[in-house]
Amino acid sequence: MNRLLLACVVLAAANAAVEAECVFGYTQREGGNCYKLFGQNRHNWLTADHICTSEGGWLTTLRNEADSVWVNSFFHENRRHFCTDWYWIGANDFVREGVYEWVQDGSVLQYFNWLPGEPNHHIGYNEDVVEVNSANRQWNDNILDGVQLCFICEKKPIGSC
């Protein structure tokens, strides 16, 4: 009897992992997380971060080239005329100037794709957040408020850990 119960639990867990899906409005990357482009209204980075957090997610994380390519393609496929070529991602250097971390988990960036000369903390501005140019997937540091961009929220599928 105990073996049967254990087998059922293992089978149920396996089914839950296979059937993990995204909440309405989000698109699941094959075998990965769920993504939603906020392209109707542009926001500054802080508001974008707050919106993602309120949805149970975070501003998207780009941990490697594959993430960068997939997210950028997702942006291009889903953006509307409200979006410029630029979008926010979840990297910032709030904790220590010049050391960029992901809002998802506070880990320091291991992958990045800065435009030449970036990050530069442009003279006169405190550029602490990161935007991506969708034309070439290169990054720029920018100011926390004032700049209004579209953004992508990322979250785990329903039923995943």
N, C-alpha and C. Protein backbone atom coordinates (compact mmCIF):
# COMPACT_ATOMS: atom_id res chain seq x y z
N MET A 1 0.82 -1.19 0.00
CA MET A 1 0.00 0.00 0.00
C MET A 1 0.87 1.26 0.00
N ASN A 2 1.94 1.26 0.83
CA ASN A 2 2.80 2.43 0.88
C ASN A 2 3.50 2.67 -0.45
N ARG A 3 3.88 1.61 -1.13
CA ARG A 3 4.53 1.76 -2.43
C ARG A 3 3.57 2.37 -3.45
N LEU A 4 2.31 1.96 -3.40
CA LEU A 4 1.31 2.50 -4.31
C LEU A 4 1.10 3.99 -4.04
N LEU A 5 1.02 4.37 -2.78
CA LEU A 5 0.86 5.77 -2.41
C LEU A 5 2.07 6.58 -2.87
N LEU A 6 3.26 6.07 -2.65
CA LEU A 6 4.47 6.76 -3.08
C LEU A 6 4.50 6.92 -4.59
N ALA A 7 4.12 5.88 -5.30
CA ALA A 7 4.09 5.95 -6.77
C ALA A 7 3.09 7.01 -7.24
N CYS A 8 1.95 7.11 -6.58
CA CYS A 8 0.95 8.12 -6.93
C CYS A 8 1.47 9.53 -6.68
N VAL A 9 2.15 9.72 -5.59
CA VAL A 9 2.71 11.04 -5.27
C VAL A 9 3.76 11.43 -6.30
N VAL A 10 4.64 10.51 -6.65
CA VAL A 10 5.67 10.78 -7.65
C VAL A 10 5.03 11.08 -9.00
N LEU A 11 4.03 10.31 -9.38
CA LEU A 11 3.35 10.53 -10.65
C LEU A 11 2.64 11.88 -10.66
N ALA A 12 1.99 12.23 -9.57
CA ALA A 12 1.30 13.53 -9.49
C ALA A 12 2.30 14.67 -9.60
N ALA A 13 3.44 14.54 -8.95
CA ALA A 13 4.47 15.59 -9.03
C ALA A 13 5.01 15.72 -10.45
N ALA A 14 5.22 14.60 -11.10
CA ALA A 14 5.71 14.62 -12.48
C ALA A 14 4.68 15.26 -13.41
N ASN A 15 3.41 14.94 -13.23
CA ASN A 15 2.36 15.55 -14.04
C ASN A 15 2.27 17.04 -13.81
N ALA A 16 2.40 17.46 -12.57
CA ALA A 16 2.34 18.89 -12.26
C ALA A 16 3.48 19.63 -12.94
N ALA A 17 4.66 19.04 -12.97
CA ALA A 17 5.80 19.67 -13.61
C ALA A 17 5.59 19.78 -15.12
N VAL A 18 5.03 18.74 -15.72
CA VAL A 18 4.79 18.73 -17.16
C VAL A 18 3.68 19.72 -17.51
N GLU A 19 2.65 19.80 -16.66
CA GLU A 19 1.49 20.61 -16.95
C GLU A 19 1.62 22.03 -16.41
N ALA A 20 2.75 22.41 -15.86
CA ALA A 20 2.91 23.77 -15.37
C ALA A 20 2.62 24.73 -16.51
N GLU A 21 1.83 25.73 -16.21
CA GLU A 21 1.45 26.66 -17.26
C GLU A 21 1.44 28.08 -16.70
N CYS A 22 1.23 29.02 -17.58
CA CYS A 22 1.27 30.42 -17.21
C CYS A 22 -0.13 30.94 -16.90
N VAL A 23 -0.19 31.96 -16.08
CA VAL A 23 -1.45 32.64 -15.83
C VAL A 23 -1.86 33.38 -17.10
N PHE A 24 -3.12 33.72 -17.21
CA PHE A 24 -3.64 34.40 -18.38
C PHE A 24 -2.83 35.66 -18.69
N GLY A 25 -2.51 35.84 -19.96
CA GLY A 25 -1.78 37.02 -20.39
C GLY A 25 -0.28 36.81 -20.49
N TYR A 26 0.21 35.71 -19.94
CA TYR A 26 1.64 35.39 -19.98
C TYR A 26 1.88 34.29 -21.01
N THR A 27 3.07 34.31 -21.59
CA THR A 27 3.48 33.30 -22.56
C THR A 27 4.63 32.50 -21.97
N GLN A 28 4.54 31.18 -22.06
CA GLN A 28 5.60 30.35 -21.51
C GLN A 28 6.67 30.06 -22.55
N ARG A 29 7.90 30.30 -22.14
CA ARG A 29 9.05 29.90 -22.95
C ARG A 29 9.18 28.39 -22.81
N GLU A 30 9.45 27.69 -23.89
CA GLU A 30 9.51 26.24 -23.84
C GLU A 30 10.43 25.77 -22.71
N GLY A 31 9.84 25.03 -21.77
CA GLY A 31 10.59 24.49 -20.65
C GLY A 31 11.04 25.53 -19.65
N GLY A 32 10.47 26.72 -19.71
CA GLY A 32 10.95 27.80 -18.84
C GLY A 32 9.86 28.63 -18.21
N ASN A 33 10.20 29.87 -17.92
CA ASN A 33 9.31 30.78 -17.22
C ASN A 33 8.27 31.39 -18.15
N CYS A 34 7.43 32.22 -17.56
CA CYS A 34 6.35 32.89 -18.26
C CYS A 34 6.69 34.37 -18.41
N TYR A 35 6.28 34.97 -19.53
CA TYR A 35 6.64 36.35 -19.85
C TYR A 35 5.42 37.12 -20.33
N LYS A 36 5.40 38.40 -19.99
CA LYS A 36 4.33 39.28 -20.44
C LYS A 36 4.92 40.64 -20.77
N LEU A 37 4.63 41.11 -21.97
CA LEU A 37 5.08 42.43 -22.39
C LEU A 37 4.02 43.45 -21.99
N PHE A 38 4.45 44.46 -21.29
CA PHE A 38 3.59 45.59 -20.97
C PHE A 38 3.90 46.67 -21.98
N GLY A 39 3.05 46.77 -23.00
CA GLY A 39 3.32 47.66 -24.10
C GLY A 39 2.22 48.67 -24.37
N GLN A 40 1.15 48.64 -23.60
CA GLN A 40 0.08 49.61 -23.80
C GLN A 40 0.44 50.97 -23.21
N ASN A 41 1.06 50.93 -22.04
CA ASN A 41 1.47 52.16 -21.36
C ASN A 41 2.93 52.03 -20.97
N ARG A 42 3.72 53.00 -21.35
CA ARG A 42 5.13 52.99 -20.97
C ARG A 42 5.26 53.57 -19.55
N HIS A 43 6.27 53.08 -18.84
CA HIS A 43 6.49 53.52 -17.46
C HIS A 43 7.97 53.70 -17.20
N ASN A 44 8.27 54.44 -16.11
CA ASN A 44 9.67 54.51 -15.69
C ASN A 44 10.04 53.17 -15.05
N TRP A 45 11.34 52.97 -14.82
CA TRP A 45 11.83 51.67 -14.34
C TRP A 45 11.20 51.29 -13.01
N LEU A 46 11.11 52.23 -12.09
CA LEU A 46 10.59 51.94 -10.75
C LEU A 46 9.13 51.48 -10.81
N THR A 47 8.32 52.15 -11.60
CA THR A 47 6.92 51.75 -11.75
C THR A 47 6.83 50.39 -12.44
N ALA A 48 7.64 50.17 -13.47
CA ALA A 48 7.66 48.87 -14.15
C ALA A 48 8.01 47.76 -13.16
N ASP A 49 9.02 47.99 -12.33
CA ASP A 49 9.42 47.00 -11.32
C ASP A 49 8.26 46.72 -10.36
N HIS A 50 7.58 47.77 -9.95
CA HIS A 50 6.45 47.62 -9.02
C HIS A 50 5.32 46.81 -9.67
N ILE A 51 5.02 47.07 -10.93
CA ILE A 51 3.96 46.34 -11.63
C ILE A 51 4.31 44.86 -11.70
N CYS A 52 5.55 44.54 -12.07
CA CYS A 52 5.95 43.13 -12.14
C CYS A 52 5.85 42.46 -10.78
N THR A 53 6.31 43.13 -9.74
CA THR A 53 6.24 42.57 -8.39
C THR A 53 4.80 42.34 -7.97
N SER A 54 3.92 43.29 -8.30
CA SER A 54 2.50 43.14 -7.92
C SER A 54 1.84 41.98 -8.66
N GLU A 55 2.41 41.56 -9.79
CA GLU A 55 1.90 40.42 -10.53
C GLU A 55 2.55 39.10 -10.09
N GLY A 56 3.41 39.17 -9.08
CA GLY A 56 4.08 37.97 -8.59
C GLY A 56 5.33 37.61 -9.38
N GLY A 57 5.88 38.57 -10.09
CA GLY A 57 7.06 38.31 -10.91
C GLY A 57 8.13 39.35 -10.71
N TRP A 58 8.91 39.58 -11.74
CA TRP A 58 10.02 40.52 -11.69
C TRP A 58 10.29 41.02 -13.10
N LEU A 59 10.95 42.17 -13.21
CA LEU A 59 11.42 42.62 -14.52
C LEU A 59 12.36 41.55 -15.05
N THR A 60 12.26 41.24 -16.31
CA THR A 60 12.93 40.08 -16.89
C THR A 60 14.44 40.05 -16.64
N THR A 61 14.93 38.84 -16.48
CA THR A 61 16.34 38.55 -16.23
C THR A 61 16.96 37.92 -17.48
N LEU A 62 18.12 38.42 -17.87
CA LEU A 62 18.83 37.87 -19.03
C LEU A 62 20.15 37.28 -18.53
N ARG A 63 20.16 36.00 -18.27
CA ARG A 63 21.34 35.36 -17.67
C ARG A 63 22.37 34.89 -18.70
N ASN A 64 21.98 34.86 -19.98
CA ASN A 64 22.90 34.38 -21.01
C ASN A 64 22.41 34.83 -22.38
N GLU A 65 23.18 34.49 -23.39
CA GLU A 65 22.84 34.88 -24.76
C GLU A 65 21.50 34.32 -25.20
N ALA A 66 21.20 33.08 -24.83
CA ALA A 66 19.93 32.47 -25.21
C ALA A 66 18.75 33.24 -24.62
N ASP A 67 18.85 33.65 -23.36
CA ASP A 67 17.80 34.48 -22.75
C ASP A 67 17.65 35.79 -23.51
N SER A 68 18.76 36.41 -23.82
CA SER A 68 18.74 37.69 -24.52
C SER A 68 18.05 37.58 -25.87
N VAL A 69 18.39 36.55 -26.62
CA VAL A 69 17.79 36.34 -27.95
C VAL A 69 16.30 36.06 -27.82
N TRP A 70 15.92 35.16 -26.89
CA TRP A 70 14.51 34.80 -26.75
C TRP A 70 13.67 35.99 -26.31
N VAL A 71 14.11 36.69 -25.28
CA VAL A 71 13.34 37.84 -24.76
C VAL A 71 13.24 38.92 -25.83
N ASN A 72 14.31 39.18 -26.54
CA ASN A 72 14.27 40.22 -27.57
C ASN A 72 13.30 39.83 -28.69
N SER A 73 13.30 38.57 -29.09
CA SER A 73 12.34 38.09 -30.09
C SER A 73 10.91 38.22 -29.58
N PHE A 74 10.70 37.88 -28.32
CA PHE A 74 9.38 38.01 -27.69
C PHE A 74 8.93 39.48 -27.73
N PHE A 75 9.85 40.39 -27.42
CA PHE A 75 9.53 41.82 -27.47
C PHE A 75 9.11 42.22 -28.88
N HIS A 76 9.88 41.83 -29.88
CA HIS A 76 9.57 42.20 -31.26
C HIS A 76 8.24 41.61 -31.74
N GLU A 77 7.96 40.38 -31.35
CA GLU A 77 6.73 39.72 -31.79
C GLU A 77 5.48 40.31 -31.14
N ASN A 78 5.62 40.90 -29.96
CA ASN A 78 4.45 41.34 -29.20
C ASN A 78 4.32 42.84 -29.03
N ARG A 79 5.32 43.59 -29.40
CA ARG A 79 5.25 45.03 -29.18
C ARG A 79 4.25 45.67 -30.14
N ARG A 80 3.72 46.75 -29.71
CA ARG A 80 2.79 47.51 -30.53
C ARG A 80 3.40 48.89 -30.75
N HIS A 81 2.66 49.74 -31.42
CA HIS A 81 3.18 51.07 -31.75
C HIS A 81 3.47 51.93 -30.52
N PHE A 82 3.00 51.52 -29.34
CA PHE A 82 3.26 52.28 -28.13
C PHE A 82 4.72 52.17 -27.69
N CYS A 83 5.37 51.08 -28.05
CA CYS A 83 6.74 50.83 -27.61
C CYS A 83 7.76 51.48 -28.55
N THR A 84 8.82 51.99 -27.95
CA THR A 84 9.97 52.43 -28.73
C THR A 84 10.83 51.19 -28.99
N ASP A 85 12.05 51.38 -29.48
CA ASP A 85 12.96 50.25 -29.66
C ASP A 85 13.56 49.76 -28.36
N TRP A 86 13.40 50.50 -27.28
CA TRP A 86 14.03 50.19 -26.00
C TRP A 86 13.02 49.60 -25.02
N TYR A 87 13.51 48.70 -24.13
CA TYR A 87 12.68 48.16 -23.06
C TYR A 87 13.53 47.94 -21.81
N TRP A 88 12.85 47.99 -20.66
CA TRP A 88 13.52 47.80 -19.37
C TRP A 88 13.77 46.31 -19.10
N ILE A 89 14.89 46.04 -18.41
CA ILE A 89 15.14 44.71 -17.84
C ILE A 89 15.42 44.91 -16.35
N GLY A 90 15.50 43.83 -15.61
CA GLY A 90 15.59 43.90 -14.15
C GLY A 90 16.97 44.01 -13.57
N ALA A 91 17.87 44.73 -14.22
CA ALA A 91 19.22 44.93 -13.68
C ALA A 91 19.36 46.35 -13.14
N ASN A 92 20.08 46.47 -12.03
CA ASN A 92 20.34 47.79 -11.43
C ASN A 92 21.59 47.73 -10.57
N ASP A 93 22.11 48.93 -10.25
CA ASP A 93 23.27 48.98 -9.33
C ASP A 93 22.95 49.85 -8.12
N PHE A 94 21.77 49.64 -7.54
CA PHE A 94 21.35 50.40 -6.35
C PHE A 94 22.22 50.12 -5.13
N VAL A 95 22.58 48.88 -4.91
CA VAL A 95 23.29 48.49 -3.70
C VAL A 95 24.72 49.01 -3.70
N ARG A 96 25.42 48.80 -4.81
CA ARG A 96 26.81 49.26 -4.91
C ARG A 96 27.03 49.81 -6.31
N GLU A 97 27.40 51.06 -6.40
CA GLU A 97 27.60 51.72 -7.69
C GLU A 97 28.55 50.93 -8.57
N GLY A 98 28.09 50.63 -9.79
CA GLY A 98 28.92 49.92 -10.74
C GLY A 98 28.82 48.40 -10.67
N VAL A 99 28.13 47.88 -9.66
CA VAL A 99 27.94 46.44 -9.53
C VAL A 99 26.47 46.15 -9.78
N TYR A 100 26.17 45.65 -10.95
CA TYR A 100 24.78 45.43 -11.35
C TYR A 100 24.27 44.07 -10.88
N GLU A 101 23.04 44.10 -10.36
CA GLU A 101 22.39 42.90 -9.82
C GLU A 101 21.01 42.74 -10.45
N TRP A 102 20.50 41.51 -10.42
CA TRP A 102 19.16 41.22 -10.91
C TRP A 102 18.14 41.39 -9.80
N VAL A 103 17.00 42.04 -10.10
CA VAL A 103 15.94 42.19 -9.10
C VAL A 103 15.34 40.85 -8.72
N GLN A 104 15.40 39.88 -9.61
CA GLN A 104 14.82 38.57 -9.35
C GLN A 104 15.37 37.95 -8.07
N ASP A 105 16.68 37.98 -7.91
CA ASP A 105 17.28 37.29 -6.76
C ASP A 105 18.49 38.00 -6.16
N GLY A 106 18.82 39.19 -6.64
CA GLY A 106 19.95 39.94 -6.09
C GLY A 106 21.31 39.43 -6.55
N SER A 107 21.33 38.51 -7.51
CA SER A 107 22.62 37.99 -7.97
C SER A 107 23.31 39.00 -8.89
N VAL A 108 24.63 39.01 -8.83
CA VAL A 108 25.43 39.91 -9.67
C VAL A 108 25.42 39.39 -11.09
N LEU A 109 25.32 40.30 -12.05
CA LEU A 109 25.30 39.92 -13.47
C LEU A 109 26.57 39.17 -13.84
N GLN A 110 26.39 38.02 -14.46
CA GLN A 110 27.50 37.26 -15.02
C GLN A 110 27.52 37.44 -16.54
N TYR A 111 26.35 37.71 -17.10
CA TYR A 111 26.21 37.97 -18.53
C TYR A 111 25.76 39.41 -18.69
N PHE A 112 26.29 40.10 -19.67
CA PHE A 112 25.84 41.46 -20.00
C PHE A 112 26.21 41.75 -21.44
N ASN A 113 25.55 42.74 -22.01
CA ASN A 113 25.76 43.08 -23.41
C ASN A 113 25.71 44.60 -23.57
N TRP A 114 26.63 45.28 -22.90
CA TRP A 114 26.65 46.74 -22.89
C TRP A 114 26.98 47.31 -24.26
N LEU A 115 26.35 48.43 -24.58
CA LEU A 115 26.77 49.23 -25.72
C LEU A 115 28.21 49.68 -25.46
N PRO A 116 28.99 49.95 -26.50
CA PRO A 116 30.36 50.47 -26.27
C PRO A 116 30.32 51.72 -25.39
N GLY A 117 31.18 51.76 -24.39
CA GLY A 117 31.25 52.91 -23.48
C GLY A 117 30.26 52.87 -22.33
N GLU A 118 29.45 51.83 -22.26
CA GLU A 118 28.45 51.70 -21.18
C GLU A 118 28.88 50.59 -20.23
N PRO A 119 28.45 50.64 -19.00
CA PRO A 119 27.67 51.71 -18.38
C PRO A 119 28.57 52.92 -18.11
N ASN A 120 28.01 54.10 -18.30
CA ASN A 120 28.84 55.29 -18.16
C ASN A 120 28.39 56.25 -17.07
N HIS A 121 27.23 55.98 -16.45
CA HIS A 121 26.71 56.90 -15.43
C HIS A 121 26.87 58.33 -15.91
N HIS A 122 26.24 58.61 -17.03
CA HIS A 122 26.35 59.89 -17.72
C HIS A 122 26.48 61.05 -16.73
N ILE A 123 27.40 61.94 -17.00
CA ILE A 123 27.69 63.08 -16.13
C ILE A 123 26.40 63.85 -15.82
N GLY A 124 26.18 64.08 -14.55
CA GLY A 124 25.01 64.82 -14.11
C GLY A 124 23.80 63.95 -13.81
N TYR A 125 23.87 62.69 -14.14
CA TYR A 125 22.76 61.78 -13.89
C TYR A 125 23.25 60.59 -13.06
N ASN A 126 22.33 60.05 -12.29
CA ASN A 126 22.63 58.85 -11.54
C ASN A 126 21.94 57.69 -12.27
N GLU A 127 22.63 57.12 -13.23
CA GLU A 127 22.05 56.06 -14.06
C GLU A 127 22.25 54.70 -13.38
N ASP A 128 21.17 54.19 -12.78
CA ASP A 128 21.25 52.98 -11.97
C ASP A 128 20.48 51.80 -12.53
N VAL A 129 19.74 51.98 -13.61
CA VAL A 129 18.90 50.92 -14.15
C VAL A 129 19.27 50.65 -15.61
N VAL A 130 18.79 49.51 -16.14
CA VAL A 130 19.26 49.07 -17.45
C VAL A 130 18.09 48.93 -18.44
N GLU A 131 18.36 49.43 -19.65
CA GLU A 131 17.44 49.29 -20.77
C GLU A 131 18.15 48.56 -21.89
N VAL A 132 17.36 47.91 -22.76
CA VAL A 132 17.90 47.16 -23.89
C VAL A 132 17.41 47.80 -25.18
N ASN A 133 18.32 47.96 -26.13
CA ASN A 133 17.97 48.40 -27.47
C ASN A 133 17.60 47.15 -28.27
N SER A 134 16.34 47.04 -28.64
CA SER A 134 15.88 45.82 -29.31
C SER A 134 16.44 45.67 -30.72
N ALA A 135 16.99 46.74 -31.28
CA ALA A 135 17.56 46.66 -32.62
C ALA A 135 18.84 45.83 -32.65
N ASN A 136 19.58 45.85 -31.51
CA ASN A 136 20.86 45.12 -31.49
C ASN A 136 21.08 44.35 -30.17
N ARG A 137 20.11 44.36 -29.29
CA ARG A 137 20.15 43.69 -27.98
C ARG A 137 21.22 44.25 -27.05
N GLN A 138 21.74 45.43 -27.32
CA GLN A 138 22.77 46.00 -26.46
C GLN A 138 22.14 46.85 -25.36
N TRP A 139 22.87 46.95 -24.24
CA TRP A 139 22.35 47.56 -23.03
C TRP A 139 22.91 48.95 -22.80
N ASN A 140 22.12 49.75 -22.08
CA ASN A 140 22.50 51.09 -21.67
C ASN A 140 22.05 51.31 -20.23
N ASP A 141 22.86 51.99 -19.44
CA ASP A 141 22.40 52.39 -18.12
C ASP A 141 21.62 53.69 -18.27
N ASN A 142 20.56 53.83 -17.49
CA ASN A 142 19.71 55.00 -17.60
C ASN A 142 19.21 55.40 -16.22
N ILE A 143 18.47 56.52 -16.19
CA ILE A 143 17.98 57.05 -14.91
C ILE A 143 16.74 56.30 -14.46
N LEU A 144 16.51 56.34 -13.17
CA LEU A 144 15.42 55.60 -12.53
C LEU A 144 14.05 56.11 -12.95
N ASP A 145 13.90 57.41 -13.03
CA ASP A 145 12.60 57.95 -13.40
C ASP A 145 12.77 58.98 -14.51
N GLY A 146 11.68 59.32 -15.13
CA GLY A 146 11.73 60.28 -16.23
C GLY A 146 11.65 59.60 -17.58
N VAL A 147 12.38 58.52 -17.79
CA VAL A 147 12.33 57.79 -19.06
C VAL A 147 11.20 56.77 -18.97
N GLN A 148 10.33 56.78 -19.97
CA GLN A 148 9.16 55.90 -20.01
C GLN A 148 9.35 54.87 -21.12
N LEU A 149 9.40 53.59 -20.74
CA LEU A 149 9.61 52.52 -21.71
C LEU A 149 8.63 51.38 -21.48
N CYS A 150 8.47 50.54 -22.49
CA CYS A 150 7.76 49.28 -22.32
C CYS A 150 8.68 48.34 -21.53
N PHE A 151 8.12 47.24 -21.03
CA PHE A 151 8.91 46.32 -20.21
C PHE A 151 8.29 44.94 -20.24
N ILE A 152 9.09 43.96 -19.84
CA ILE A 152 8.65 42.57 -19.83
C ILE A 152 8.76 42.04 -18.41
N CYS A 153 7.65 41.52 -17.91
CA CYS A 153 7.65 40.85 -16.61
C CYS A 153 7.87 39.36 -16.85
N GLU A 154 8.54 38.74 -15.91
CA GLU A 154 8.84 37.32 -15.95
C GLU A 154 8.37 36.70 -14.65
N LYS A 155 7.85 35.49 -14.71
CA LYS A 155 7.46 34.79 -13.49
C LYS A 155 7.49 33.29 -13.73
N LYS A 156 7.50 32.55 -12.65
CA LYS A 156 7.50 31.10 -12.75
C LYS A 156 6.11 30.61 -13.15
N PRO A 157 6.04 29.47 -13.85
CA PRO A 157 4.73 28.90 -14.20
C PRO A 157 3.96 28.47 -12.96
N ILE A 158 2.67 28.38 -13.09
CA ILE A 158 1.79 27.91 -12.00
C ILE A 158 2.22 26.49 -11.64
N GLY A 159 2.35 26.23 -10.37
CA GLY A 159 2.67 24.88 -9.93
C GLY A 159 4.15 24.57 -9.89
N SER A 160 5.00 25.53 -10.27
CA SER A 160 6.44 25.26 -10.19
C SER A 160 6.99 25.85 -8.89
N CYS A 161 8.15 25.38 -8.52
CA CYS A 161 8.76 25.83 -7.26
C CYS A 161 9.52 27.12 -7.45
